[in-house]
Amino acid sequence: MAKKDKADISEDLKKSEENLAAEEKEDLCQENPGNSEEKLEENKLQEEYDALNNKMLRLQADFLNYKTRAEKEKMSTYSNAVADVLCDLLPIVDNFERAIESVKSENEELINFKNGVKMIYDQFFNVLQKRGLKEIAALNSKFDPNIHSGIAFEVAQEKEEDTVTEVFQKGYLVNEKVIRPSMVKIAKK
């Protein structure tokens, strides 16, 4: 019986060692799923980070686009307001020019008056030019319906066809935008 007991004990010891090895393997397998769970958690956090980072980048791009658009709208509004005011002042410019042209006398007082009006006109027109007003050059130029308003035709053999022969009312641009087209007479053959 002693021999049996030793053999049983040996077998029990072997079985215990095998069981212990199996339990260690199970522990390792259980730890690996823990590692994979940690990796899954880490991957999930990385995906959330990437999604939030992409969202932040899109929001930043949207904000920059909004800022650019708002700045353009602000400049457009300012430009339109300046153009409107300058357009309202154009009849005053026309009247100054008529007043200057109307004085044809040799009387020294009238000449001095004309010179004074001319000085005021020049100063006024310089202020308007600083705000972007520019006269459209029309006389003897090719008719352009974008900047000219043709109101009469003239048969002229010495002029090239569609050439402006006379300007009835000056046209003006503000920052390359037509605020009043030139009223002109056009040569026809």
C-alpha atoms as a PDB file:
ATOM      1  CA  MET A   1       0.000   0.000   0.000  1.00  0.00           C
ATOM      2  CA  ALA A   2       2.847   2.281   0.616  1.00  0.00           C
ATOM      3  CA  LYS A   3       3.965   1.818  -2.919  1.00  0.00           C
ATOM      4  CA  LYS A   4       0.504   2.604  -4.124  1.00  0.00           C
ATOM      5  CA  ASP A   5       0.338   5.628  -2.038  1.00  0.00           C
ATOM      6  CA  LYS A   6       3.619   6.846  -3.430  1.00  0.00           C
ATOM      7  CA  ALA A   7       2.410   6.190  -6.980  1.00  0.00           C
ATOM      8  CA  ASP A   8      -0.920   7.853  -6.248  1.00  0.00           C
ATOM      9  CA  ILE A   9       0.864  10.733  -4.690  1.00  0.00           C
ATOM     10  CA  SER A  10       3.124  11.013  -7.761  1.00  0.00           C
ATOM     11  CA  GLU A  11       0.145  10.912 -10.050  1.00  0.00           C
ATOM     12  CA  ASP A  12      -1.709  13.395  -7.859  1.00  0.00           C
ATOM     13  CA  LEU A  13       1.376  15.592  -7.918  1.00  0.00           C
ATOM     14  CA  LYS A  14       1.569  15.352 -11.720  1.00  0.00           C
ATOM     15  CA  LYS A  15      -2.157  16.086 -11.959  1.00  0.00           C
ATOM     16  CA  SER A  16      -1.738  19.011  -9.610  1.00  0.00           C
ATOM     17  CA  GLU A  17       1.142  20.355 -11.682  1.00  0.00           C
ATOM     18  CA  GLU A  18      -0.929  19.924 -14.862  1.00  0.00           C
ATOM     19  CA  ASN A  19      -3.901  21.587 -13.208  1.00  0.00           C
ATOM     20  CA  LEU A  20      -1.657  24.393 -12.019  1.00  0.00           C
ATOM     21  CA  ALA A  21      -0.228  24.826 -15.530  1.00  0.00           C
ATOM     22  CA  ALA A  22      -3.755  24.797 -16.967  1.00  0.00           C
ATOM     23  CA  GLU A  23      -4.874  27.366 -14.422  1.00  0.00           C
ATOM     24  CA  GLU A  24      -1.889  29.565 -15.303  1.00  0.00           C
ATOM     25  CA  LYS A  25      -2.816  29.248 -18.976  1.00  0.00           C
ATOM     26  CA  GLU A  26      -6.387  30.203 -18.129  1.00  0.00           C
ATOM     27  CA  ASP A  27      -5.112  33.136 -16.136  1.00  0.00           C
ATOM     28  CA  LEU A  28      -2.948  34.180 -19.088  1.00  0.00           C
ATOM     29  CA  CYS A  29      -5.908  33.763 -21.453  1.00  0.00           C
ATOM     30  CA  GLN A  30      -8.039  35.774 -19.116  1.00  0.00           C
ATOM     31  CA  GLU A  31      -5.301  38.429 -18.937  1.00  0.00           C
ATOM     32  CA  ASN A  32      -5.064  38.561 -22.739  1.00  0.00           C
ATOM     33  CA  PRO A  33      -8.768  39.320 -23.075  1.00  0.00           C
ATOM     34  CA  GLY A  34      -8.110  42.026 -20.491  1.00  0.00           C
ATOM     35  CA  ASN A  35      -5.296  43.309 -22.690  1.00  0.00           C
ATOM     36  CA  SER A  36      -7.550  43.146 -25.731  1.00  0.00           C
ATOM     37  CA  GLU A  37     -10.260  44.972 -23.771  1.00  0.00           C
ATOM     38  CA  GLU A  38      -7.692  47.602 -22.885  1.00  0.00           C
ATOM     39  CA  LYS A  39      -6.691  47.788 -26.542  1.00  0.00           C
ATOM     40  CA  LEU A  40     -10.343  48.042 -27.558  1.00  0.00           C
ATOM     41  CA  GLU A  41     -10.825  50.805 -25.007  1.00  0.00           C
ATOM     42  CA  GLU A  42      -7.673  52.531 -26.245  1.00  0.00           C
ATOM     43  CA  ASN A  43      -8.810  52.223 -29.881  1.00  0.00           C
ATOM     44  CA  LYS A  44     -12.233  53.577 -28.945  1.00  0.00           C
ATOM     45  CA  LEU A  45     -10.648  56.548 -27.181  1.00  0.00           C
ATOM     46  CA  GLN A  46      -8.353  57.151 -30.181  1.00  0.00           C
ATOM     47  CA  GLU A  47     -11.356  57.118 -32.527  1.00  0.00           C
ATOM     48  CA  GLU A  48     -13.204  59.563 -30.274  1.00  0.00           C
ATOM     49  CA  TYR A  49     -10.107  61.771 -30.202  1.00  0.00           C
ATOM     50  CA  ASP A  50      -9.791  61.648 -33.995  1.00  0.00           C
ATOM     51  CA  ALA A  51     -13.505  62.414 -34.438  1.00  0.00           C
ATOM     52  CA  LEU A  52     -13.316  65.383 -32.044  1.00  0.00           C
ATOM     53  CA  ASN A  53     -10.111  66.608 -33.678  1.00  0.00           C
ATOM     54  CA  ASN A  54     -11.728  66.438 -37.147  1.00  0.00           C
ATOM     55  CA  LYS A  55     -14.804  68.230 -35.827  1.00  0.00           C
ATOM     56  CA  MET A  56     -12.605  70.934 -34.304  1.00  0.00           C
ATOM     57  CA  LEU A  57     -10.698  71.352 -37.591  1.00  0.00           C
ATOM     58  CA  ARG A  58     -13.969  71.643 -39.548  1.00  0.00           C
ATOM     59  CA  LEU A  59     -15.298  74.201 -37.060  1.00  0.00           C
ATOM     60  CA  GLN A  60     -12.083  76.168 -37.330  1.00  0.00           C
ATOM     61  CA  ALA A  61     -12.306  76.137 -41.147  1.00  0.00           C
ATOM     62  CA  ASP A  62     -15.976  77.166 -40.961  1.00  0.00           C
ATOM     63  CA  PHE A  63     -15.072  80.030 -38.637  1.00  0.00           C
ATOM     64  CA  LEU A  64     -12.303  81.238 -40.963  1.00  0.00           C
ATOM     65  CA  ASN A  65     -14.718  81.073 -43.912  1.00  0.00           C
ATOM     66  CA  TYR A  66     -17.313  82.991 -41.910  1.00  0.00           C
ATOM     67  CA  LYS A  67     -14.748  85.591 -40.914  1.00  0.00           C
ATOM     68  CA  THR A  68     -13.652  86.048 -44.546  1.00  0.00           C
ATOM     69  CA  ARG A  69     -17.259  86.252 -45.745  1.00  0.00           C
ATOM     70  CA  ALA A  70     -18.170  88.758 -43.020  1.00  0.00           C
ATOM     71  CA  GLU A  71     -15.156  90.915 -43.931  1.00  0.00           C
ATOM     72  CA  LYS A  72     -16.155  90.854 -47.624  1.00  0.00           C
ATOM     73  CA  GLU A  73     -19.740  91.787 -46.714  1.00  0.00           C
ATOM     74  CA  LYS A  74     -18.467  94.607 -44.525  1.00  0.00           C
ATOM     75  CA  MET A  75     -16.293  95.964 -47.345  1.00  0.00           C
ATOM     76  CA  SER A  76     -19.137  95.562 -49.826  1.00  0.00           C
ATOM     77  CA  THR A  77     -21.531  97.414 -47.540  1.00  0.00           C
ATOM     78  CA  TYR A  78     -19.003 100.205 -47.034  1.00  0.00           C
ATOM     79  CA  SER A  79     -18.301 100.395 -50.760  1.00  0.00           C
ATOM     80  CA  ASN A  80     -22.012 100.508 -51.589  1.00  0.00           C
ATOM     81  CA  ALA A  81     -22.608 103.221 -49.002  1.00  0.00           C
ATOM     82  CA  VAL A  82     -19.754 105.325 -50.415  1.00  0.00           C
ATOM     83  CA  ALA A  83     -21.059 104.793 -53.957  1.00  0.00           C
ATOM     84  CA  ASP A  84     -24.566 105.860 -52.901  1.00  0.00           C
ATOM     85  CA  VAL A  85     -23.325 109.053 -51.254  1.00  0.00           C
ATOM     86  CA  LEU A  86     -21.068 109.904 -54.190  1.00  0.00           C
ATOM     87  CA  CYS A  87     -23.927 109.258 -56.593  1.00  0.00           C
ATOM     88  CA  ASP A  88     -26.053 111.738 -54.620  1.00  0.00           C
ATOM     89  CA  LEU A  89     -23.257 114.331 -54.894  1.00  0.00           C
ATOM     90  CA  LEU A  90     -22.850 114.035 -58.683  1.00  0.00           C
ATOM     91  CA  PRO A  91     -25.587 116.618 -59.485  1.00  0.00           C
ATOM     92  CA  ILE A  92     -23.596 119.111 -57.379  1.00  0.00           C
ATOM     93  CA  VAL A  93     -20.477 118.345 -59.429  1.00  0.00           C
ATOM     94  CA  ASP A  94     -22.512 118.833 -62.616  1.00  0.00           C
ATOM     95  CA  ASN A  95     -23.808 122.201 -61.381  1.00  0.00           C
ATOM     96  CA  PHE A  96     -20.296 123.360 -60.465  1.00  0.00           C
ATOM     97  CA  GLU A  97     -19.128 122.475 -63.986  1.00  0.00           C
ATOM     98  CA  ARG A  98     -22.071 124.309 -65.547  1.00  0.00           C
ATOM     99  CA  ALA A  99     -21.399 127.359 -63.394  1.00  0.00           C
ATOM    100  CA  ILE A 100     -17.727 127.414 -64.422  1.00  0.00           C
ATOM    101  CA  GLU A 101     -18.589 126.968 -68.114  1.00  0.00           C
ATOM    102  CA  SER A 102     -21.270 129.659 -68.055  1.00  0.00           C
ATOM    103  CA  VAL A 103     -18.915 132.539 -67.226  1.00  0.00           C
ATOM    104  CA  LYS A 104     -17.632 133.778 -70.574  1.00  0.00           C
ATOM    105  CA  SER A 105     -17.254 137.430 -69.659  1.00  0.00           C
ATOM    106  CA  GLU A 106     -14.053 139.453 -69.676  1.00  0.00           C
ATOM    107  CA  ASN A 107     -15.225 141.321 -66.575  1.00  0.00           C
ATOM    108  CA  GLU A 108     -12.548 140.995 -63.914  1.00  0.00           C
ATOM    109  CA  GLU A 109     -15.080 140.513 -61.094  1.00  0.00           C
ATOM    110  CA  LEU A 110     -16.768 137.653 -62.955  1.00  0.00           C
ATOM    111  CA  ILE A 111     -13.404 136.084 -63.756  1.00  0.00           C
ATOM    112  CA  ASN A 112     -12.456 136.259 -60.068  1.00  0.00           C
ATOM    113  CA  PHE A 113     -15.834 134.748 -59.162  1.00  0.00           C
ATOM    114  CA  LYS A 114     -15.286 131.985 -61.739  1.00  0.00           C
ATOM    115  CA  ASN A 115     -11.813 131.291 -60.335  1.00  0.00           C
ATOM    116  CA  GLY A 116     -13.241 131.073 -56.801  1.00  0.00           C
ATOM    117  CA  VAL A 117     -15.944 128.641 -57.911  1.00  0.00           C
ATOM    118  CA  LYS A 118     -13.295 126.656 -59.810  1.00  0.00           C
ATOM    119  CA  MET A 119     -11.149 126.431 -56.654  1.00  0.00           C
ATOM    120  CA  ILE A 120     -14.125 125.178 -54.607  1.00  0.00           C
ATOM    121  CA  TYR A 121     -14.992 122.692 -57.383  1.00  0.00           C
ATOM    122  CA  ASP A 122     -11.396 121.401 -57.529  1.00  0.00           C
ATOM    123  CA  GLN A 123     -11.235 120.968 -53.763  1.00  0.00           C
ATOM    124  CA  PHE A 124     -14.645 119.240 -53.679  1.00  0.00           C
ATOM    125  CA  PHE A 125     -13.743 116.953 -56.585  1.00  0.00           C
ATOM    126  CA  ASN A 126     -10.413 116.010 -54.958  1.00  0.00           C
ATOM    127  CA  VAL A 127     -12.281 114.874 -51.842  1.00  0.00           C
ATOM    128  CA  LEU A 128     -14.573 112.754 -54.008  1.00  0.00           C
ATOM    129  CA  GLN A 129     -11.578 111.270 -55.841  1.00  0.00           C
ATOM    130  CA  LYS A 130     -10.017 110.276 -52.522  1.00  0.00           C
ATOM    131  CA  ARG A 131     -13.173 108.255 -51.883  1.00  0.00           C
ATOM    132  CA  GLY A 132     -12.712 106.397 -55.190  1.00  0.00           C
ATOM    133  CA  LEU A 133     -14.629 108.557 -57.698  1.00  0.00           C
ATOM    134  CA  LYS A 134     -13.214 108.492 -61.200  1.00  0.00           C
ATOM    135  CA  GLU A 135     -14.549 110.062 -64.385  1.00  0.00           C
ATOM    136  CA  ILE A 136     -15.241 107.755 -67.319  1.00  0.00           C
ATOM    137  CA  ALA A 137     -13.224 108.848 -70.345  1.00  0.00           C
ATOM    138  CA  ALA A 138     -15.783 108.795 -73.133  1.00  0.00           C
ATOM    139  CA  LEU A 139     -15.070 111.356 -75.854  1.00  0.00           C
ATOM    140  CA  ASN A 140     -13.474 109.802 -78.977  1.00  0.00           C
ATOM    141  CA  SER A 141     -13.413 106.354 -77.374  1.00  0.00           C
ATOM    142  CA  LYS A 142     -15.125 103.191 -78.593  1.00  0.00           C
ATOM    143  CA  PHE A 143     -18.729 102.892 -77.406  1.00  0.00           C
ATOM    144  CA  ASP A 144     -19.015 100.418 -74.516  1.00  0.00           C
ATOM    145  CA  PRO A 145     -22.574  99.693 -73.339  1.00  0.00           C
ATOM    146  CA  ASN A 146     -21.210  98.752 -69.902  1.00  0.00           C
ATOM    147  CA  ILE A 147     -20.034 102.303 -69.195  1.00  0.00           C
ATOM    148  CA  HIS A 148     -21.833 104.417 -71.810  1.00  0.00           C
ATOM    149  CA  SER A 149     -25.488 105.142 -72.411  1.00  0.00           C
ATOM    150  CA  GLY A 150     -26.040 105.938 -76.067  1.00  0.00           C
ATOM    151  CA  ILE A 151     -28.856 108.460 -76.464  1.00  0.00           C
ATOM    152  CA  ALA A 152     -28.200 109.762 -80.002  1.00  0.00           C
ATOM    153  CA  PHE A 153     -26.545 108.808 -83.264  1.00  0.00           C
ATOM    154  CA  GLU A 154     -24.646 110.990 -85.685  1.00  0.00           C
ATOM    155  CA  VAL A 155     -23.642 110.226 -89.231  1.00  0.00           C
ATOM    156  CA  ALA A 156     -19.942 110.968 -89.306  1.00  0.00           C
ATOM    157  CA  GLN A 157     -17.710 109.901 -92.179  1.00  0.00           C
ATOM    158  CA  GLU A 158     -14.499 111.161 -90.560  1.00  0.00           C
ATOM    159  CA  LYS A 159     -15.053 109.131 -87.358  1.00  0.00           C
ATOM    160  CA  GLU A 160     -14.853 105.386 -86.961  1.00  0.00           C
ATOM    161  CA  GLU A 161     -18.195 103.649 -86.444  1.00  0.00           C
ATOM    162  CA  ASP A 162     -19.340 103.240 -82.801  1.00  0.00           C
ATOM    163  CA  THR A 163     -17.048 106.051 -81.649  1.00  0.00           C
ATOM    164  CA  VAL A 164     -18.334 108.512 -79.049  1.00  0.00           C
ATOM    165  CA  THR A 165     -18.572 111.926 -80.741  1.00  0.00           C
ATOM    166  CA  GLU A 166     -20.150 113.962 -77.951  1.00  0.00           C
ATOM    167  CA  VAL A 167     -20.701 113.612 -74.194  1.00  0.00           C
ATOM    168  CA  PHE A 168     -23.984 115.008 -72.883  1.00  0.00           C
ATOM    169  CA  GLN A 169     -23.426 113.984 -69.275  1.00  0.00           C
ATOM    170  CA  LYS A 170     -20.214 112.666 -67.717  1.00  0.00           C
ATOM    171  CA  GLY A 171     -20.191 109.186 -66.289  1.00  0.00           C
ATOM    172  CA  TYR A 172     -18.395 108.092 -63.137  1.00  0.00           C
ATOM    173  CA  LEU A 173     -16.908 105.003 -61.548  1.00  0.00           C
ATOM    174  CA  VAL A 174     -16.390 104.294 -57.869  1.00  0.00           C
ATOM    175  CA  ASN A 175     -13.722 101.666 -57.279  1.00  0.00           C
ATOM    176  CA  GLU A 176     -14.219 100.292 -60.810  1.00  0.00           C
ATOM    177  CA  LYS A 177     -18.018 100.078 -60.348  1.00  0.00           C
ATOM    178  CA  VAL A 178     -20.148 102.242 -62.645  1.00  0.00           C
ATOM    179  CA  ILE A 179     -22.392 104.517 -60.586  1.00  0.00           C
ATOM    180  CA  ARG A 180     -23.500 106.627 -63.534  1.00  0.00           C
ATOM    181  CA  PRO A 181     -22.882 105.788 -67.200  1.00  0.00           C
ATOM    182  CA  SER A 182     -21.856 108.532 -69.608  1.00  0.00           C
ATOM    183  CA  MET A 183     -24.696 109.829 -71.793  1.00  0.00           C
ATOM    184  CA  VAL A 184     -23.178 109.993 -75.264  1.00  0.00           C
ATOM    185  CA  LYS A 185     -23.745 110.500 -79.005  1.00  0.00           C
ATOM    186  CA  ILE A 186     -22.398 107.696 -81.179  1.00  0.00           C
ATOM    187  CA  ALA A 187     -20.968 107.927 -84.714  1.00  0.00           C
ATOM    188  CA  LYS A 188     -22.620 105.850 -87.444  1.00  0.00           C
ATOM    189  CA  LYS A 189     -21.691 105.571 -91.115  1.00  0.00           C
END
